[in-house]
Protein backbone atom coordinates (compact mmCIF):
# COMPACT_ATOMS: atom_id res chain seq x y z
CA MET A 1 11.64 -6.06 -16.06
CA MET A 2 9.23 -8.96 -15.71
CA PHE A 3 8.11 -10.61 -12.36
CA GLU A 4 7.96 -14.51 -12.74
CA SER A 5 6.49 -16.25 -9.62
CA ASN A 6 5.01 -19.64 -9.35
CA GLU A 7 2.73 -18.44 -6.99
CA PRO A 8 -0.88 -17.56 -8.48
CA VAL A 9 -1.40 -13.93 -9.40
CA GLY A 10 -4.15 -11.85 -7.86
CA ILE A 11 -5.45 -8.89 -10.04
CA ILE A 12 -6.68 -5.73 -8.60
CA PRO A 13 -8.76 -4.18 -11.81
CA PRO A 14 -7.81 0.14 -12.09
CA ARG A 15 -9.33 2.29 -9.22
CA SER A 16 -10.68 -0.66 -7.15
CA GLY A 17 -9.31 -2.72 -3.94
CA ALA A 18 -9.38 -6.21 -2.95
CA ALA A 19 -8.67 -7.68 0.96
CA PHE A 20 -7.37 -11.25 1.93
CA GLU A 21 -5.63 -12.85 4.78
CA LEU A 22 -1.82 -13.33 5.61
CA GLU A 23 -0.44 -15.75 8.45
CA ALA A 24 3.12 -15.03 10.06
CA GLY A 25 5.70 -16.01 7.82
CA ASP A 26 3.67 -15.45 4.70
CA GLU A 27 5.36 -13.40 1.65
CA LEU A 28 3.43 -10.61 -0.03
CA THR A 29 4.41 -9.33 -3.55
CA VAL A 30 2.91 -6.34 -4.80
CA ILE A 31 3.86 -5.76 -8.55
CA ASP A 32 3.11 -3.00 -11.14
CA PRO A 33 2.66 -5.20 -14.07
CA GLU A 34 2.45 -1.90 -16.45
CA GLY A 35 4.56 0.70 -14.25
CA GLY A 36 3.49 4.10 -13.43
CA GLN A 37 0.70 2.93 -10.72
CA VAL A 38 0.36 3.25 -7.28
CA ALA A 39 -0.90 0.61 -4.58
CA ASP A 40 -2.33 1.78 -1.22
CA LEU A 41 -1.76 -1.13 1.32
CA LEU A 42 -3.14 -1.26 4.98
CA ALA A 43 -2.65 -4.23 7.63
CA VAL A 44 -4.60 -5.50 10.53
CA SER A 45 -4.44 -7.89 13.21
CA ARG A 46 -6.21 -10.80 12.75
CA GLU A 47 -6.22 -10.93 16.75
CA ASP A 48 -7.86 -7.71 17.38
CA ILE A 49 -8.94 -5.49 14.56
CA ARG A 50 -8.11 -1.98 16.53
CA GLU A 51 -4.29 -2.82 15.84
CA MET A 52 -3.52 -1.49 12.53
CA LEU A 53 -0.75 -0.27 10.59
CA SER A 54 0.62 3.20 11.81
CA SER A 55 2.64 5.79 9.85
CA GLY A 56 3.58 7.42 12.60
CA ARG A 57 5.23 4.65 14.86
CA THR A 58 6.97 3.42 11.72
CA LEU A 59 8.39 6.43 10.17
CA ASP A 60 9.62 7.53 14.05
CA TYR A 61 11.25 4.29 14.68
CA ALA A 62 12.79 4.30 10.87
CA GLU A 63 14.05 7.76 11.54
CA ARG A 64 13.64 8.50 7.67
CA ILE A 65 10.53 8.80 5.47
CA TYR A 66 11.57 6.66 2.65
CA LEU A 67 11.49 2.84 3.63
CA THR A 68 12.98 0.01 1.46
CA THR A 69 14.46 -3.68 1.80
CA HIS A 70 14.59 -4.48 5.62
CA ASP A 71 12.48 -1.92 7.08
CA LYS A 72 9.87 -2.66 9.63
CA LEU A 73 6.59 -1.58 9.23
CA TYR A 74 4.60 -1.44 12.59
CA SER A 75 1.33 -0.81 14.20
CA ASN A 76 -0.26 1.65 16.44
CA ARG A 77 0.85 -0.83 19.27
CA SER A 78 4.59 -0.84 18.15
CA ASN A 79 4.73 -4.43 17.16
CA VAL A 80 5.81 -5.34 13.53
CA MET A 81 3.55 -6.36 11.38
CA LEU A 82 5.32 -6.40 8.07
CA GLU A 83 9.06 -6.25 6.63
CA ILE A 84 9.87 -5.24 3.41
CA VAL A 85 12.73 -8.04 2.23
CA GLU A 86 12.70 -7.03 -1.59
CA ASP A 87 12.36 -3.75 -3.24
CA THR A 88 13.20 -3.07 -6.93
CA VAL A 89 11.76 0.32 -6.96
CA GLY A 90 12.86 1.84 -3.59
CA ARG A 91 10.57 4.85 -3.44
CA HIS A 92 7.53 4.55 -1.61
CA ASP A 93 5.11 6.85 0.19
CA PHE A 94 4.04 6.76 3.95
CA LEU A 95 2.67 10.26 4.68
CA LEU A 96 -0.06 10.66 2.86
CA THR A 97 -3.49 9.51 3.63
CA PRO A 98 -5.44 7.30 1.04
CA CYS A 99 -7.42 9.47 -1.59
CA SER A 100 -11.05 9.96 -0.82
CA GLU A 101 -14.18 11.16 -2.16
CA ALA A 102 -13.16 14.84 -0.37
CA THR A 103 -9.77 14.07 -2.39
CA PHE A 104 -11.87 14.02 -5.47
CA ARG A 105 -14.04 17.41 -4.09
CA LEU A 106 -11.31 19.40 -2.72
CA CYS A 107 -8.28 18.59 -4.83
CA TYR A 108 -9.71 18.24 -8.40
CA ASP A 109 -11.77 20.61 -10.14
CA ASN A 110 -12.62 18.57 -13.32
CA GLU A 111 -12.62 14.88 -12.01
CA PRO A 112 -16.01 13.08 -11.30
CA PRO A 113 -16.79 11.88 -7.83
CA HIS A 114 -15.03 9.06 -6.77
CA PRO A 115 -14.69 6.69 -3.71
CA GLY A 116 -10.91 6.67 -3.91
CA CYS A 117 -8.61 4.24 -2.35
CA HIS A 118 -10.27 5.07 1.16
CA GLY A 119 -13.65 4.11 -0.08
CA ASN A 120 -12.26 1.02 -1.70
CA LEU A 121 -10.58 0.01 1.56
CA ALA A 122 -13.65 0.28 3.31
CA ALA A 123 -15.64 -1.84 1.29
CA ALA A 124 -13.01 -4.13 0.72
CA LEU A 125 -12.37 -4.64 4.58
CA ARG A 126 -15.68 -4.23 5.49
CA PRO A 127 -16.56 -8.09 6.30
CA TYR A 128 -13.50 -7.93 8.37
CA GLY A 129 -15.74 -5.97 10.74
CA ILE A 130 -13.65 -2.77 10.27
CA GLU A 131 -15.13 0.65 10.03
CA GLU A 132 -14.50 3.31 7.59
CA ASP A 133 -13.54 5.98 10.15
CA ALA A 134 -10.83 3.66 11.64
CA ILE A 135 -8.97 3.79 8.29
CA PRO A 136 -5.49 4.90 8.88
CA VAL A 137 -2.49 6.34 6.82
CA ALA A 138 -1.48 3.34 4.13
CA PHE A 139 1.88 2.39 2.54
CA ASN A 140 1.73 3.55 -0.41
CA CYS A 141 3.51 1.46 -2.68
CA PHE A 142 5.30 3.05 -5.63
CA MET A 143 4.08 6.37 -4.67
CA ASN A 144 6.85 9.39 -5.60
CA VAL A 145 6.52 11.98 -3.03
CA PRO A 146 9.69 14.29 -2.92
CA VAL A 147 10.14 16.63 0.14
CA ASP A 148 11.79 19.71 0.29
CA GLY A 149 14.22 19.22 2.93
CA GLN A 150 14.35 23.13 3.61
CA THR A 151 10.86 24.30 3.56
CA GLY A 152 9.03 20.71 4.28
CA LYS A 153 6.84 21.42 0.96
CA PHE A 154 6.50 18.14 -0.87
CA ARG A 155 5.21 17.48 -4.08
CA VAL A 156 3.17 14.29 -5.76
CA LEU A 157 5.05 13.25 -8.81
CA PRO A 158 4.27 10.35 -11.45
CA PRO A 159 5.94 6.85 -9.76
CA LEU A 160 9.28 5.57 -10.55
CA SER A 161 7.84 2.19 -10.84
CA LYS A 162 8.48 0.04 -14.22
CA ALA A 163 6.90 -2.48 -15.65
CA GLY A 164 7.18 -5.68 -13.50
CA ASP A 165 8.78 -3.74 -10.65
CA ARG A 166 7.64 -5.19 -7.18
CA ILE A 167 7.90 -4.73 -3.51
CA VAL A 168 8.08 -7.81 -1.44
CA PHE A 169 6.86 -8.07 2.16
CA LYS A 170 6.99 -10.92 4.83
CA ALA A 171 3.98 -11.04 7.53
CA ARG A 172 5.39 -11.21 11.19
CA MET A 173 1.99 -11.50 12.64
CA ASP A 174 -1.52 -13.02 11.55
CA LEU A 175 -2.87 -10.11 9.29
CA VAL A 176 -6.06 -8.63 7.39
CA ILE A 177 -4.72 -6.84 3.97
CA GLY A 178 -6.44 -4.52 2.17
CA LEU A 179 -4.43 -3.67 -1.59
CA THR A 180 -6.06 -1.01 -4.12
CA ALA A 181 -4.74 0.28 -7.60
CA CYS A 182 -5.13 3.89 -6.32
CA SER A 183 -7.60 5.93 -8.07
CA ALA A 184 -5.96 9.52 -8.40
CA PRO A 185 -4.48 11.40 -11.12
CA ALA A 186 -2.02 13.14 -9.67
CA SER A 187 -0.37 9.73 -7.78
CA ASN A 188 -0.43 7.73 -11.09
CA GLY A 189 0.47 10.17 -14.03
CA GLY A 190 -2.64 10.65 -15.07
CA SER A 191 -3.73 7.25 -15.95
CA PHE A 192 -5.17 4.28 -14.46
CA LYS A 193 -3.81 0.81 -14.52
CA PRO A 194 -3.92 -2.76 -12.66
CA ILE A 195 -1.89 -3.61 -9.42
CA HIS A 196 -0.94 -7.84 -9.39
CA TYR A 197 0.16 -9.54 -6.16
CA SER A 198 0.95 -13.16 -5.20
CA VAL A 199 1.43 -14.92 -2.19
CA ARG A 200 3.59 -17.15 -0.97
CA ARG A 201 2.49 -19.82 2.01
CA ALA A 202 5.26 -19.74 4.84
CA GLU A 203 4.57 -23.69 4.65
CA ASP A 204 5.28 -23.66 0.95
CA SER A 205 9.08 -22.27 1.66
CA GLN A 206 9.50 -25.07 3.94
């Protein structure tokens, strides 16, 4: 499956992150160009950076843990930040925190230290005045975390996304977006690949 768009494509190299702004009404497409790669996505209100994406409120209102087309992502103030308008995969994670230096120290015996998605998000969002300790659970595009309904035990398995798969979000407020190509071996089936993204501006679609 190949993604085709007339919009310029941004490239996030393996194990890195970026930040950019969206206006209300813009559409953000997150693309897995090679397949099997997770992208951590964080949304922050441009009006007040203390308002951020909330896993707890979003899952509470959705009444399920696997979100897909037509689902809305809420802030810690219960405002809609993003709406999923297209999804070619249907399995993403909104439970697990961004991997971090501590993740590599505590969970991986043979991996060298790495700032992880938390560190990459912090670096990308720092110019917007967002403190590292403020970073919450991100929406983990393409991450495959099945949960046992009886025991609550979860596993981190390779993503189900294939080359060219995508998820498309519509911004419902003016936002700062942080986006990564995830750094954790378990999340990505043991390999690291880039993430692509494109933005369709609201005024261009009118």
